[in-house]
């Protein structure tokens, strides 16, 4: 509820606010849409590039498949944002878990030995999984208002 204007400058300020708020909201919405199209296009381009690289190699490693899975998750995130106007935090956690898993596999393939780095990355996955469980619990216990 806006306060009652006491003079002409207050009336002008309220009038400008009524005009500028919708315009500002429009620009923010346009920026989001353009950025999402850019992210979506870059994701598709990267996925196609990776897939063509696998075809040229004649084989697909587990790292390649996990990378394609990351692209799929990012694409799903963009699609969900377009439909609901909300960014699903859980998808970001899934992307992080997949990326860390990919890093562990890469380390294991290059070093061929278990070491502290792999253990730390494993603990990182555990922390991310616990964070995902916490986010799931919080969203079921405290659902978001539909008026957001």
Protein backbone atom coordinates (compact mmCIF):
# COMPACT_ATOMS: atom_id res chain seq x y z
CA UNK A 1 0.00 0.00 0.00
CA UNK A 2 1.56 3.32 -1.04
CA UNK A 3 1.43 6.37 1.18
CA UNK A 4 -0.81 9.28 0.23
CA UNK A 5 1.11 11.98 -1.61
CA UNK A 6 1.38 15.24 0.27
CA UNK A 7 2.69 17.42 -2.53
CA UNK A 8 3.24 17.54 -6.27
CA UNK A 9 6.71 15.93 -6.14
CA UNK A 10 5.31 12.92 -4.30
CA UNK A 11 2.55 12.56 -6.88
CA UNK A 12 5.14 12.71 -9.66
CA UNK A 13 7.31 10.14 -7.90
CA UNK A 14 4.37 7.74 -7.54
CA UNK A 15 3.40 8.25 -11.19
CA UNK A 16 6.95 7.56 -12.36
CA UNK A 17 7.08 4.45 -10.19
CA UNK A 18 3.85 3.14 -11.72
CA UNK A 19 5.36 3.56 -15.18
CA UNK A 20 8.94 2.43 -14.48
CA UNK A 21 8.18 -0.74 -12.49
CA UNK A 22 6.48 -2.60 -15.36
CA UNK A 23 9.19 -1.47 -17.79
CA UNK A 24 11.92 -2.64 -15.40
CA UNK A 25 10.18 -5.97 -14.93
CA UNK A 26 9.91 -6.34 -18.71
CA UNK A 27 13.65 -5.72 -19.17
CA UNK A 28 14.53 -8.23 -16.43
CA UNK A 29 12.24 -10.81 -18.03
CA UNK A 30 13.76 -10.18 -21.47
CA UNK A 31 17.27 -10.52 -20.05
CA UNK A 32 16.33 -13.85 -18.43
CA UNK A 33 14.85 -15.18 -21.65
CA UNK A 34 17.80 -14.08 -23.81
CA UNK A 35 20.28 -15.53 -21.30
CA UNK A 36 18.34 -18.81 -21.15
CA UNK A 37 18.28 -19.07 -24.94
CA UNK A 38 22.04 -18.46 -24.93
CA UNK A 39 22.64 -21.11 -22.26
CA UNK A 40 20.35 -23.54 -24.07
CA UNK A 41 22.05 -22.94 -27.42
CA UNK A 42 25.53 -23.30 -25.90
CA UNK A 43 24.45 -26.52 -24.18
CA UNK A 44 23.08 -28.00 -27.41
CA UNK A 45 26.18 -26.89 -29.34
CA UNK A 46 28.51 -28.40 -26.72
CA UNK A 47 26.51 -31.62 -26.61
CA UNK A 48 26.58 -31.99 -30.39
CA UNK A 49 30.31 -31.18 -30.46
CA UNK A 50 31.01 -33.82 -27.79
CA UNK A 51 28.81 -36.39 -29.54
CA UNK A 52 30.51 -35.80 -32.91
CA UNK A 53 33.88 -36.14 -31.17
CA UNK A 54 32.81 -39.54 -29.84
CA UNK A 55 31.73 -40.58 -33.34
CA UNK A 56 35.08 -39.46 -34.78
CA UNK A 57 36.93 -41.37 -32.04
CA UNK A 58 34.84 -44.43 -32.69
CA UNK A 59 34.30 -44.99 -28.98
CA UNK A 60 32.66 -43.37 -25.99
CA UNK A 61 34.39 -43.31 -22.63
CA UNK A 62 32.54 -43.05 -19.34
CA UNK A 63 33.80 -39.46 -19.09
CA UNK A 64 32.17 -38.66 -22.44
CA UNK A 65 28.88 -40.18 -21.35
CA UNK A 66 28.92 -38.32 -18.03
CA UNK A 67 29.62 -35.09 -19.91
CA UNK A 68 26.59 -35.74 -22.13
CA UNK A 69 24.57 -36.40 -18.97
CA UNK A 70 25.69 -33.02 -17.59
CA UNK A 71 24.52 -31.35 -20.81
CA UNK A 72 21.19 -33.16 -20.48
CA UNK A 73 20.75 -31.95 -16.89
CA UNK A 74 21.57 -28.37 -17.85
CA UNK A 75 19.10 -28.56 -20.74
CA UNK A 76 16.42 -29.89 -18.39
CA UNK A 77 17.16 -27.05 -15.97
CA UNK A 78 16.70 -24.47 -18.71
CA UNK A 79 13.46 -26.12 -19.82
CA UNK A 80 12.08 -26.21 -16.29
CA UNK A 81 12.96 -22.55 -15.80
CA UNK A 82 11.09 -21.63 -18.99
CA UNK A 83 8.00 -23.53 -17.82
CA UNK A 84 7.94 -22.59 -14.13
CA UNK A 85 10.10 -19.46 -13.79
CA UNK A 86 11.96 -21.19 -10.94
CA UNK A 87 15.50 -22.56 -10.99
CA UNK A 88 15.56 -26.08 -9.54
CA UNK A 89 18.46 -26.12 -7.07
CA UNK A 90 18.45 -29.92 -7.00
CA UNK A 91 19.43 -30.02 -10.68
CA UNK A 92 22.48 -27.88 -9.90
CA UNK A 93 23.41 -30.38 -7.20
CA UNK A 94 22.98 -33.26 -9.68
CA UNK A 95 25.24 -31.47 -12.16
CA UNK A 96 27.85 -30.97 -9.43
CA UNK A 97 27.69 -34.64 -8.36
CA UNK A 98 28.06 -35.77 -11.97
CA UNK A 99 30.97 -33.38 -12.56
CA UNK A 100 32.79 -34.56 -9.43
CA UNK A 101 32.17 -38.20 -10.42
CA UNK A 102 33.64 -37.44 -13.83
CA UNK A 103 36.68 -35.89 -12.14
CA UNK A 104 37.15 -38.97 -9.91
CA UNK A 105 37.03 -41.26 -12.95
CA UNK A 106 39.53 -39.05 -14.76
CA UNK A 107 41.89 -39.11 -11.76
CA UNK A 108 41.57 -42.88 -11.42
CA UNK A 109 42.30 -43.35 -15.13
CA UNK A 110 45.39 -41.13 -15.08
CA UNK A 111 46.94 -41.99 -11.70
CA UNK A 112 45.87 -45.66 -11.42
CA UNK A 113 46.10 -45.44 -7.64
CA UNK A 114 43.91 -44.38 -4.78
CA UNK A 115 45.02 -41.24 -3.03
CA UNK A 116 43.76 -38.43 -0.83
CA UNK A 117 42.35 -36.42 -3.76
CA UNK A 118 39.94 -39.20 -4.65
CA UNK A 119 38.92 -39.57 -1.00
CA UNK A 120 38.27 -35.83 -0.72
CA UNK A 121 36.22 -35.88 -3.92
CA UNK A 122 34.24 -38.84 -2.57
CA UNK A 123 33.47 -36.85 0.60
CA UNK A 124 32.44 -33.96 -1.65
CA UNK A 125 29.90 -36.21 -3.36
CA UNK A 126 28.61 -37.32 0.05
CA UNK A 127 28.19 -33.68 1.14
CA UNK A 128 26.38 -32.85 -2.12
CA UNK A 129 24.09 -35.86 -1.68
CA UNK A 130 23.30 -34.75 1.88
CA UNK A 131 22.62 -31.23 0.60
CA UNK A 132 20.25 -32.70 -1.97
CA UNK A 133 18.43 -34.66 0.75
CA UNK A 134 18.19 -31.49 2.84
CA UNK A 135 16.78 -29.50 -0.09
CA UNK A 136 14.23 -32.26 -0.77
CA UNK A 137 13.20 -32.36 2.88
CA UNK A 138 12.96 -28.56 3.10
CA UNK A 139 10.86 -28.30 -0.08
CA UNK A 140 8.43 -30.96 1.15
CA UNK A 141 8.28 -29.57 4.69
CA UNK A 142 8.15 -25.90 3.68
CA UNK A 143 6.60 -25.71 0.17
CA UNK A 144 7.03 -22.50 -1.81
CA UNK A 145 4.05 -20.21 -2.22
CA UNK A 146 2.47 -20.42 -5.66
CA UNK A 147 2.20 -16.63 -5.74
CA UNK A 148 6.01 -16.17 -6.12
